[in-house]
Amino acid sequence: MLNVVILGAGPAAVVCALGVQRLGYNVTVVSEARRFSAVEGVSQRVLESLQHAGLRNVLDTVEQACVRSVLWNGEYNEQNHEYLLDRPRFDQALRQQLQDAGVPLLTQRVLRVHSTQHGHQIQLGSGQVVTADFLIEARGRQAPGSGKKMRGPETLSLLNRWQGPPQPVKTALHSHHDGWSWMAQLADGRCYWQLTLDVASAQLPSKERLLKYCQQRRQASIFAQEFFQQYEAQNIDLHVRSSSSTLCNESCGSNWLRIGDAAMAVDPLSGNGIFQALSSALQAPAVLYTLLEKPQQAALAKEFHQQRIEHLFLRFARLGRDFYTLEKQWLHEPFWLARQQWPDQRSTHHEADFSQLQLAHRPVIENGEIVSREVVISPDQPLGMWHHSGIALAPMLRQLREQGLRDLLGKYSVIEQGYINSWLTNQGYFANK
């Protein structure tokens, strides 16, 4: 039986490990413990994706939804809600899910990886060497790169954590002339403040003075002072990390894959890092199976994996650009100027136009492997739409063009007719009728 080793134990790694295990391969996960106790703000969509991916037990670690205060473009609002993930508890729940599934977890540091076309050798901090027929890299942003196909403006985040008095759970987002800050407070009084800046234009002091710098930035912000109720933070922890958007040049080989942030990492402003990580992890088992068991379809599998990672990356990059563009106060400041023009000026969404629909063959997942099938291509869905509610779209569209809508619908049940009409509406079919 082939051995698969996954480096990392975040949500992408765990989802992938469970999926690969179901295929019948031996799976081992290797990951060192998180070095900094962090908290993350996520949306309802992220929670739904965790549940869909089978990580229901980790939802018990999520704090109840709280109102997020936002001061952006000089305007204050409390229109959105946010859920807080306490990463130590979240990570422990992920590891427990591996244990419950019987997936071995080695909590060790990876010193080096030696890879050939015949397999991989992973040297661990203890001196142990683990061998793998197939390797999945899921160590996030810190994973050694395979070259960057695209990289956003160089971005740095300074995260402070301290213990305050118990307070209601709350979060906030605040724009500054040179970046933005995110704030959170948990019920037990733990406080988090993260300042995100442009590496090139930020005038940061030496490492020894960074804590003082952060304190001065908070004291200078009336919004931050009110959020933390002017509590004087003591024993502050500091964590500095790169938060630049990155897309790997290559995320799939004949005996390896990159998933999650190791393949593509988005701007933290999007709040969708976990969502995109899960997207690549859910498709990984089918890609792996095709590479190992259907070598004649290997090129198709590689194309499928890379295309979807790139498509998701650009989608979230443009969503981030659109949100940055809402900030009009500092249009010519380096931080905002760079991010309001990256990655391009292409529209995030395209108006539905039925006349633009085309038929083409694209790689898709069918019965757990990657195959080529005819799909419907639109400006908004360049990778293709294969099925809608169980209805194959390409043959349906061809019949529609040849026979007209009345004759087409007559071949489907009443329920299926409703699905077809709904899909056609979304594609702009009835717009000019």
Protein backbone atom coordinates (compact mmCIF):
# COMPACT_ATOMS: atom_id res chain seq x y z
CA MET A 1 0.00 0.00 0.00
CA LEU A 2 1.32 3.44 -0.92
CA ASN A 3 2.39 5.85 1.82
CA VAL A 4 1.17 9.44 1.74
CA VAL A 5 2.71 12.04 4.05
CA ILE A 6 1.05 15.41 4.68
CA LEU A 7 3.13 18.24 6.12
CA GLY A 8 0.98 20.51 8.27
CA ALA A 9 -2.08 19.98 10.45
CA GLY A 10 -4.32 22.94 9.64
CA PRO A 11 -7.84 22.59 8.22
CA ALA A 12 -6.60 21.95 4.67
CA ALA A 13 -4.20 19.22 5.83
CA VAL A 14 -6.79 17.49 8.01
CA VAL A 15 -9.53 17.52 5.35
CA CYS A 16 -7.05 16.20 2.80
CA ALA A 17 -5.79 13.50 5.18
CA LEU A 18 -9.30 12.21 5.85
CA GLY A 19 -10.09 12.19 2.14
CA VAL A 20 -6.90 10.34 1.22
CA GLN A 21 -7.49 7.82 4.01
CA ARG A 22 -10.92 7.03 2.57
CA LEU A 23 -9.18 6.08 -0.68
CA GLY A 24 -7.33 3.33 1.19
CA TYR A 25 -3.82 4.79 1.31
CA ASN A 26 -1.61 4.90 4.38
CA VAL A 27 -1.59 8.51 5.59
CA THR A 28 0.73 10.19 8.10
CA VAL A 29 0.51 13.83 9.15
CA VAL A 30 3.61 15.69 10.34
CA SER A 31 3.30 19.08 12.04
CA GLU A 32 4.94 21.01 14.81
CA ALA A 33 2.80 22.86 17.34
CA ARG A 34 1.76 26.44 16.61
CA ARG A 35 4.26 28.86 18.12
CA PHE A 36 1.90 31.75 18.73
CA SER A 37 -1.57 31.67 20.24
CA ALA A 38 -3.70 33.52 17.71
CA VAL A 39 -7.36 34.20 17.05
CA GLU A 40 -9.01 34.61 13.66
CA GLY A 41 -12.20 36.29 12.54
CA VAL A 42 -14.26 34.32 10.01
CA SER A 43 -17.61 34.61 8.28
CA GLN A 44 -20.65 32.34 8.30
CA ARG A 45 -19.49 31.09 4.90
CA VAL A 46 -16.28 29.75 6.43
CA LEU A 47 -18.23 27.89 9.13
CA GLU A 48 -20.46 26.35 6.48
CA SER A 49 -17.40 25.24 4.50
CA LEU A 50 -15.93 23.62 7.63
CA GLN A 51 -19.15 21.70 8.15
CA HIS A 52 -19.35 20.71 4.49
CA ALA A 53 -15.77 19.45 4.67
CA GLY A 54 -16.68 17.15 7.56
CA LEU A 55 -15.02 19.17 10.34
CA ARG A 56 -18.16 19.52 12.45
CA ASN A 57 -16.41 18.94 15.76
CA VAL A 58 -14.19 22.01 15.31
CA LEU A 59 -17.28 24.21 15.20
CA ASP A 60 -17.62 23.69 18.94
CA THR A 61 -14.48 25.82 19.36
CA VAL A 62 -16.01 28.84 17.63
CA GLU A 63 -17.20 31.78 19.70
CA GLN A 64 -20.73 33.02 19.14
CA ALA A 65 -21.17 35.62 16.41
CA CYS A 66 -20.38 39.16 17.46
CA VAL A 67 -20.97 42.52 15.82
CA ARG A 68 -17.93 43.82 13.97
CA SER A 69 -17.37 47.56 14.29
CA VAL A 70 -15.88 49.05 11.13
CA LEU A 71 -14.32 52.46 10.61
CA TRP A 72 -13.50 52.57 6.89
CA ASN A 73 -13.29 55.58 4.59
CA GLY A 74 -14.14 57.75 7.57
CA GLU A 75 -17.52 56.04 8.00
CA TYR A 76 -18.54 53.95 11.00
CA ASN A 77 -20.90 50.98 10.79
CA GLU A 78 -21.88 47.81 12.62
CA GLN A 79 -23.62 46.04 9.75
CA ASN A 80 -21.70 42.76 9.71
CA HIS A 81 -21.10 39.92 12.14
CA GLU A 82 -17.96 37.91 12.68
CA TYR A 83 -17.10 34.61 14.36
CA LEU A 84 -13.87 34.19 16.31
CA LEU A 85 -11.71 31.08 16.04
CA ASP A 86 -9.48 30.55 19.05
CA ARG A 87 -6.64 28.87 17.14
CA PRO A 88 -5.21 26.79 20.03
CA ARG A 89 -8.63 25.22 20.64
CA PHE A 90 -9.34 25.03 16.92
CA ASP A 91 -6.01 23.32 16.21
CA GLN A 92 -6.55 20.87 19.06
CA ALA A 93 -9.96 19.95 17.65
CA LEU A 94 -8.37 19.33 14.25
CA ARG A 95 -5.76 17.05 15.80
CA GLN A 96 -8.45 15.23 17.73
CA GLN A 97 -10.29 14.59 14.48
CA LEU A 98 -7.16 12.96 13.06
CA GLN A 99 -6.84 10.82 16.17
CA ASP A 100 -10.49 9.77 16.03
CA ALA A 101 -10.00 8.72 12.41
CA GLY A 102 -6.87 6.74 13.25
CA VAL A 103 -4.55 8.95 11.18
CA PRO A 104 -1.03 8.99 12.72
CA LEU A 105 0.18 12.46 13.71
CA LEU A 106 3.85 13.17 14.34
CA THR A 107 4.19 16.42 16.30
CA GLN A 108 7.68 17.28 15.18
CA ARG A 109 9.53 19.90 13.22
CA VAL A 110 10.45 19.13 9.63
CA LEU A 111 14.14 19.86 9.09
CA ARG A 112 14.42 19.03 5.41
CA VAL A 113 12.71 17.17 2.60
CA HIS A 114 14.58 15.28 -0.11
CA SER A 115 12.39 14.48 -3.11
CA THR A 116 12.94 12.48 -6.27
CA GLN A 117 10.64 11.01 -8.87
CA HIS A 118 10.72 7.77 -6.88
CA GLY A 119 9.63 9.19 -3.51
CA HIS A 120 10.40 11.49 -0.60
CA GLN A 121 12.48 11.42 2.57
CA ILE A 122 11.44 13.76 5.38
CA GLN A 123 13.97 14.36 8.15
CA LEU A 124 12.41 15.36 11.46
CA GLY A 125 13.80 17.26 14.41
CA SER A 126 14.11 14.08 16.45
CA GLY A 127 16.39 12.56 13.83
CA GLN A 128 13.66 10.27 12.54
CA VAL A 129 13.35 9.94 8.77
CA VAL A 130 9.90 9.37 7.29
CA THR A 131 9.52 8.07 3.74
CA ALA A 132 6.63 8.75 1.42
CA ASP A 133 5.53 7.65 -2.03
CA PHE A 134 3.45 10.82 -2.27
CA LEU A 135 3.95 14.13 -0.44
CA ILE A 136 1.37 16.83 0.24
CA GLU A 137 2.72 20.21 1.34
CA ALA A 138 0.24 22.00 3.60
CA ARG A 139 2.42 24.05 5.96
CA GLY A 140 0.84 27.34 5.01
CA ARG A 141 2.68 30.53 4.15
CA GLN A 142 5.87 29.23 5.76
CA ALA A 143 6.19 26.26 3.42
CA PRO A 144 9.35 26.41 1.28
CA GLY A 145 8.41 27.90 -2.07
CA SER A 146 8.55 26.34 -5.50
CA GLY A 147 8.78 29.75 -7.13
CA LYS A 148 6.12 32.44 -7.07
CA LYS A 149 3.97 32.85 -10.17
CA MET A 150 2.32 35.92 -8.69
CA ARG A 151 2.90 37.94 -5.54
CA GLY A 152 0.94 40.86 -4.24
CA PRO A 153 2.31 44.02 -2.63
CA GLU A 154 4.73 43.07 0.14
CA THR A 155 2.72 43.18 3.34
CA LEU A 156 3.67 42.83 7.00
CA SER A 157 1.40 42.22 9.98
CA LEU A 158 2.29 43.06 13.59
CA LEU A 159 0.13 41.11 16.03
CA ASN A 160 -0.08 42.01 19.73
CA ARG A 161 -1.75 39.87 22.38
CA TRP A 162 -2.34 40.64 26.05
CA GLN A 163 -4.66 39.75 28.89
CA GLY A 164 -7.35 42.22 29.84
CA PRO A 165 -10.46 42.06 32.07
CA PRO A 166 -13.40 39.86 30.98
CA GLN A 167 -15.60 41.62 28.44
CA PRO A 168 -18.24 40.74 25.82
CA VAL A 169 -16.79 39.23 22.65
CA LYS A 170 -16.26 41.86 19.98
CA THR A 171 -14.15 42.71 16.91
CA ALA A 172 -13.32 45.83 14.91
CA LEU A 173 -11.68 46.91 11.67
CA HIS A 174 -10.03 50.30 11.19
CA SER A 175 -8.29 51.87 8.19
CA HIS A 176 -5.22 54.10 8.62
CA HIS A 177 -3.26 56.25 6.20
CA ASP A 178 -0.57 53.56 5.96
CA GLY A 179 -2.56 50.35 6.45
CA TRP A 180 -5.33 48.87 8.57
CA SER A 181 -5.80 47.29 11.97
CA TRP A 182 -8.00 44.48 13.23
CA MET A 183 -8.98 44.18 16.88
CA ALA A 184 -10.61 41.40 18.88
CA GLN A 185 -11.48 40.71 22.48
CA LEU A 186 -12.55 37.31 23.82
CA ALA A 187 -14.90 36.71 26.73
CA ASP A 188 -12.02 35.70 29.00
CA GLY A 189 -10.35 39.07 28.44
CA ARG A 190 -7.72 38.07 25.89
CA CYS A 191 -7.08 41.01 23.57
CA TYR A 192 -5.67 41.01 20.05
CA TRP A 193 -4.59 43.93 17.90
CA GLN A 194 -3.06 43.41 14.47
CA LEU A 195 -1.62 46.20 12.33
CA THR A 196 -1.04 45.45 8.65
CA LEU A 197 1.41 47.67 6.74
CA ASP A 198 3.24 47.96 3.45
CA VAL A 199 6.79 46.64 3.78
CA ALA A 200 8.32 49.14 1.37
CA SER A 201 6.71 52.30 2.76
CA ALA A 202 6.36 51.47 6.45
CA GLN A 203 8.94 53.27 8.57
CA LEU A 204 9.38 50.67 11.29
CA PRO A 205 11.86 50.91 14.15
CA SER A 206 14.32 48.20 15.11
CA LYS A 207 13.02 44.87 16.36
CA GLU A 208 13.71 45.86 19.96
CA ARG A 209 11.42 48.89 19.66
CA LEU A 210 8.51 47.26 17.82
CA LEU A 211 6.45 46.69 20.96
CA LYS A 212 6.77 50.36 21.89
CA TYR A 213 5.88 51.32 18.33
CA CYS A 214 2.70 49.22 18.47
CA GLN A 215 1.73 50.74 21.80
CA GLN A 216 2.17 54.24 20.40
CA ARG A 217 0.03 53.39 17.36
CA ARG A 218 -2.79 52.14 19.58
CA GLN A 219 -2.59 55.17 21.87
CA ALA A 220 -2.78 57.46 18.85
CA SER A 221 -6.01 55.79 17.69
CA ILE A 222 -9.16 57.02 19.45
CA PHE A 223 -11.02 54.10 17.85
CA ALA A 224 -8.60 51.56 19.37
CA GLN A 225 -8.67 53.31 22.75
CA GLU A 226 -12.46 53.13 22.85
CA PHE A 227 -12.48 49.51 21.68
CA PHE A 228 -10.14 48.38 24.46
CA GLN A 229 -11.75 50.84 26.92
CA GLN A 230 -8.37 52.54 27.41
CA TYR A 231 -7.11 49.51 29.32
CA GLU A 232 -3.34 49.74 29.77
CA ALA A 233 -2.02 46.51 28.29
CA GLN A 234 0.62 44.61 30.25
CA ASN A 235 2.89 41.69 29.31
CA ILE A 236 2.21 42.10 25.60
CA ASP A 237 3.25 39.37 23.19
CA LEU A 238 4.44 40.37 19.72
CA HIS A 239 4.28 38.24 16.59
CA VAL A 240 5.54 39.53 13.24
CA ARG A 241 4.64 37.76 10.02
CA SER A 242 4.43 38.27 6.29
CA SER A 243 0.87 38.52 5.03
CA SER A 244 1.56 39.12 1.32
CA SER A 245 -0.69 37.43 -1.20
CA THR A 246 1.22 34.64 -2.96
CA LEU A 247 0.51 32.16 -5.72
CA CYS A 248 2.93 29.30 -6.32
CA ASN A 249 4.33 28.78 -9.79
CA GLU A 250 3.57 25.07 -9.64
CA SER A 251 1.28 23.30 -7.17
CA CYS A 252 1.22 19.79 -8.56
CA GLY A 253 3.79 17.22 -9.67
CA SER A 254 3.74 13.53 -10.48
CA ASN A 255 4.11 12.53 -6.81
CA TRP A 256 3.38 15.69 -4.82
CA LEU A 257 0.78 18.41 -4.24
CA ARG A 258 0.61 21.80 -2.56
CA ILE A 259 -2.67 22.77 -0.92
CA GLY A 260 -4.02 25.59 1.23
CA ASP A 261 -1.78 28.56 1.90
CA ALA A 262 1.21 26.53 0.70
CA ALA A 263 -0.27 26.78 -2.80
CA MET A 264 -1.92 30.19 -2.59
CA ALA A 265 -2.27 32.65 0.27
CA VAL A 266 -4.70 35.54 0.13
CA ASP A 267 -4.70 38.96 1.76
CA PRO A 268 -5.86 38.63 5.40
CA LEU A 269 -8.37 41.42 4.80
CA SER A 270 -10.56 38.97 2.86
CA GLY A 271 -11.19 36.78 5.92
CA ASN A 272 -11.50 33.82 3.54
CA GLY A 273 -8.16 32.10 4.08
CA ILE A 274 -9.74 28.98 5.56
CA PHE A 275 -12.37 28.86 2.81
CA GLN A 276 -9.81 28.86 0.00
CA ALA A 277 -7.62 26.38 1.89
CA LEU A 278 -10.50 23.94 2.15
CA SER A 279 -11.33 24.35 -1.54
CA SER A 280 -7.92 23.04 -2.61
CA ALA A 281 -7.97 20.31 0.06
CA LEU A 282 -11.33 18.92 -1.03
CA GLN A 283 -10.16 18.40 -4.60
CA ALA A 284 -6.75 16.99 -3.59
CA PRO A 285 -7.77 13.32 -3.06
CA ALA A 286 -9.21 13.08 -6.57
CA VAL A 287 -6.06 14.67 -8.02
CA LEU A 288 -3.83 12.32 -6.01
CA TYR A 289 -5.85 9.25 -7.02
CA THR A 290 -5.64 10.19 -10.69
CA LEU A 291 -1.89 10.78 -10.53
CA LEU A 292 -1.26 7.44 -8.81
CA GLU A 293 -3.82 5.17 -10.42
CA LYS A 294 -4.51 6.79 -13.81
CA PRO A 295 -1.09 7.99 -15.05
CA GLN A 296 -2.47 8.45 -18.56
CA GLN A 297 -4.59 11.27 -17.11
CA ALA A 298 -1.76 12.84 -15.09
CA ALA A 299 -1.49 15.96 -17.27
CA LEU A 300 -5.23 16.49 -16.92
CA ALA A 301 -5.01 16.16 -13.13
CA LYS A 302 -2.17 18.69 -12.92
CA GLU A 303 -4.08 21.12 -15.12
CA PHE A 304 -7.20 20.73 -13.00
CA HIS A 305 -5.41 21.39 -9.70
CA GLN A 306 -3.37 24.38 -10.91
CA GLN A 307 -6.22 26.04 -12.79
CA ARG A 308 -8.56 25.96 -9.84
CA ILE A 309 -5.97 27.27 -7.42
CA GLU A 310 -5.11 30.14 -9.77
CA HIS A 311 -8.77 30.93 -10.41
CA LEU A 312 -9.56 31.06 -6.69
CA PHE A 313 -6.48 33.16 -6.00
CA LEU A 314 -7.40 35.80 -8.58
CA ARG A 315 -11.01 35.81 -7.45
CA PHE A 316 -10.10 36.65 -3.86
CA ALA A 317 -7.35 39.04 -4.94
CA ARG A 318 -9.90 41.05 -6.91
CA LEU A 319 -12.40 40.95 -4.04
CA GLY A 320 -9.68 42.34 -1.79
CA ARG A 321 -8.83 45.03 -4.34
CA ASP A 322 -12.50 46.07 -4.48
CA PHE A 323 -12.66 46.43 -0.69
CA TYR A 324 -9.42 48.45 -0.63
CA THR A 325 -10.90 50.67 -3.34
CA LEU A 326 -13.73 51.66 -0.97
CA GLU A 327 -11.17 53.60 1.07
CA LYS A 328 -11.01 57.07 -0.57
CA GLN A 329 -9.29 59.10 2.14
CA TRP A 330 -5.73 58.19 1.21
CA LEU A 331 -5.86 57.51 -2.52
CA HIS A 332 -2.27 58.53 -3.12
CA GLU A 333 -0.68 56.92 -0.08
CA PRO A 334 1.68 54.04 -1.09
CA PHE A 335 -0.20 51.37 0.89
CA TRP A 336 -3.57 52.10 -0.70
CA LEU A 337 -2.31 52.98 -4.16
CA ALA A 338 -0.58 49.62 -4.55
CA ARG A 339 -3.53 47.55 -3.32
CA GLN A 340 -6.21 49.39 -5.26
CA GLN A 341 -4.43 48.52 -8.51
CA TRP A 342 -3.51 44.89 -7.82
CA PRO A 343 -3.78 42.27 -9.27
CA ASP A 344 -5.39 44.04 -12.26
CA GLN A 345 -8.39 46.15 -13.16
CA ARG A 346 -10.58 43.31 -14.39
CA SER A 347 -14.08 43.18 -13.01
CA THR A 348 -14.73 40.80 -10.12
CA HIS A 349 -18.14 39.87 -11.47
CA HIS A 350 -19.47 39.86 -15.02
CA GLU A 351 -23.01 40.63 -16.04
CA ALA A 352 -24.90 37.56 -17.20
CA ASP A 353 -24.93 37.37 -21.00
CA PHE A 354 -26.41 34.25 -22.53
CA SER A 355 -24.86 35.03 -25.92
CA GLN A 356 -21.38 34.66 -24.37
CA LEU A 357 -21.86 31.02 -23.32
CA GLN A 358 -19.54 28.56 -25.06
CA LEU A 359 -18.98 24.81 -25.04
CA ALA A 360 -15.53 23.37 -24.38
CA HIS A 361 -13.81 20.40 -22.80
CA ARG A 362 -12.33 20.96 -19.35
CA PRO A 363 -11.01 18.71 -16.55
CA VAL A 364 -13.62 17.86 -13.89
CA ILE A 365 -14.01 15.43 -11.00
CA GLU A 366 -16.08 12.38 -11.87
CA ASN A 367 -16.32 9.32 -9.61
CA GLY A 368 -13.30 10.44 -7.64
CA GLU A 369 -10.90 11.00 -10.54
CA ILE A 370 -10.04 13.77 -12.97
CA VAL A 371 -11.48 13.36 -16.45
CA SER A 372 -12.19 15.62 -19.42
CA ARG A 373 -15.83 16.48 -20.02
CA GLU A 374 -17.73 19.00 -22.11
CA VAL A 375 -18.81 21.98 -20.01
CA VAL A 376 -20.39 25.39 -20.44
CA ILE A 377 -17.97 28.33 -20.28
CA SER A 378 -19.04 31.85 -19.31
CA PRO A 379 -17.05 35.04 -18.56
CA ASP A 380 -17.87 34.54 -14.87
CA GLN A 381 -17.13 30.80 -14.92
CA PRO A 382 -14.06 30.35 -17.17
CA LEU A 383 -13.33 26.88 -15.77
CA GLY A 384 -16.73 25.69 -16.87
CA MET A 385 -20.09 24.61 -15.48
CA TRP A 386 -20.67 20.87 -15.80
CA HIS A 387 -23.89 20.08 -13.90
CA HIS A 388 -26.70 22.03 -12.31
CA SER A 389 -28.90 20.09 -9.87
CA GLY A 390 -27.92 16.85 -11.59
CA ILE A 391 -28.56 18.12 -15.12
CA ALA A 392 -25.64 17.95 -17.57
CA LEU A 393 -25.43 21.52 -18.90
CA ALA A 394 -23.49 21.13 -22.16
CA PRO A 395 -25.93 18.73 -23.89
CA MET A 396 -28.85 20.71 -22.50
CA LEU A 397 -27.48 23.95 -23.95
CA ARG A 398 -26.85 22.31 -27.31
CA GLN A 399 -30.42 20.99 -27.43
CA LEU A 400 -31.76 24.42 -26.48
CA ARG A 401 -29.94 26.06 -29.37
CA GLU A 402 -31.09 23.41 -31.83
CA GLN A 403 -34.68 22.90 -30.70
CA GLY A 404 -35.79 25.90 -28.70
CA LEU A 405 -36.93 26.12 -25.09
CA ARG A 406 -40.40 24.57 -25.43
CA ASP A 407 -39.16 21.36 -27.06
CA LEU A 408 -36.23 21.18 -24.66
CA LEU A 409 -38.35 21.45 -21.51
CA GLY A 410 -40.71 18.76 -22.77
CA LYS A 411 -37.93 16.19 -22.30
CA TYR A 412 -37.52 16.94 -18.60
CA SER A 413 -39.66 16.45 -15.50
CA VAL A 414 -41.50 19.38 -13.91
CA ILE A 415 -38.87 19.64 -11.16
CA GLU A 416 -36.04 19.55 -13.71
CA GLN A 417 -37.80 22.22 -15.78
CA GLY A 418 -37.69 24.47 -12.73
CA TYR A 419 -33.94 23.87 -12.34
CA ILE A 420 -33.36 24.62 -16.03
CA ASN A 421 -35.41 27.82 -15.97
CA SER A 422 -33.57 28.96 -12.86
CA TRP A 423 -30.17 28.31 -14.44
CA LEU A 424 -31.17 30.03 -17.69
CA THR A 425 -32.39 33.05 -15.70
CA ASN A 426 -29.02 33.30 -13.96
CA GLN A 427 -27.29 33.18 -17.35
CA GLY A 428 -29.38 36.04 -18.75
CA TYR A 429 -31.42 33.91 -21.17
CA PHE A 430 -34.71 35.71 -20.48
CA ALA A 431 -33.21 39.19 -20.17
CA ASN A 432 -34.17 40.31 -23.69
CA LYS A 433 -37.10 38.02 -24.33
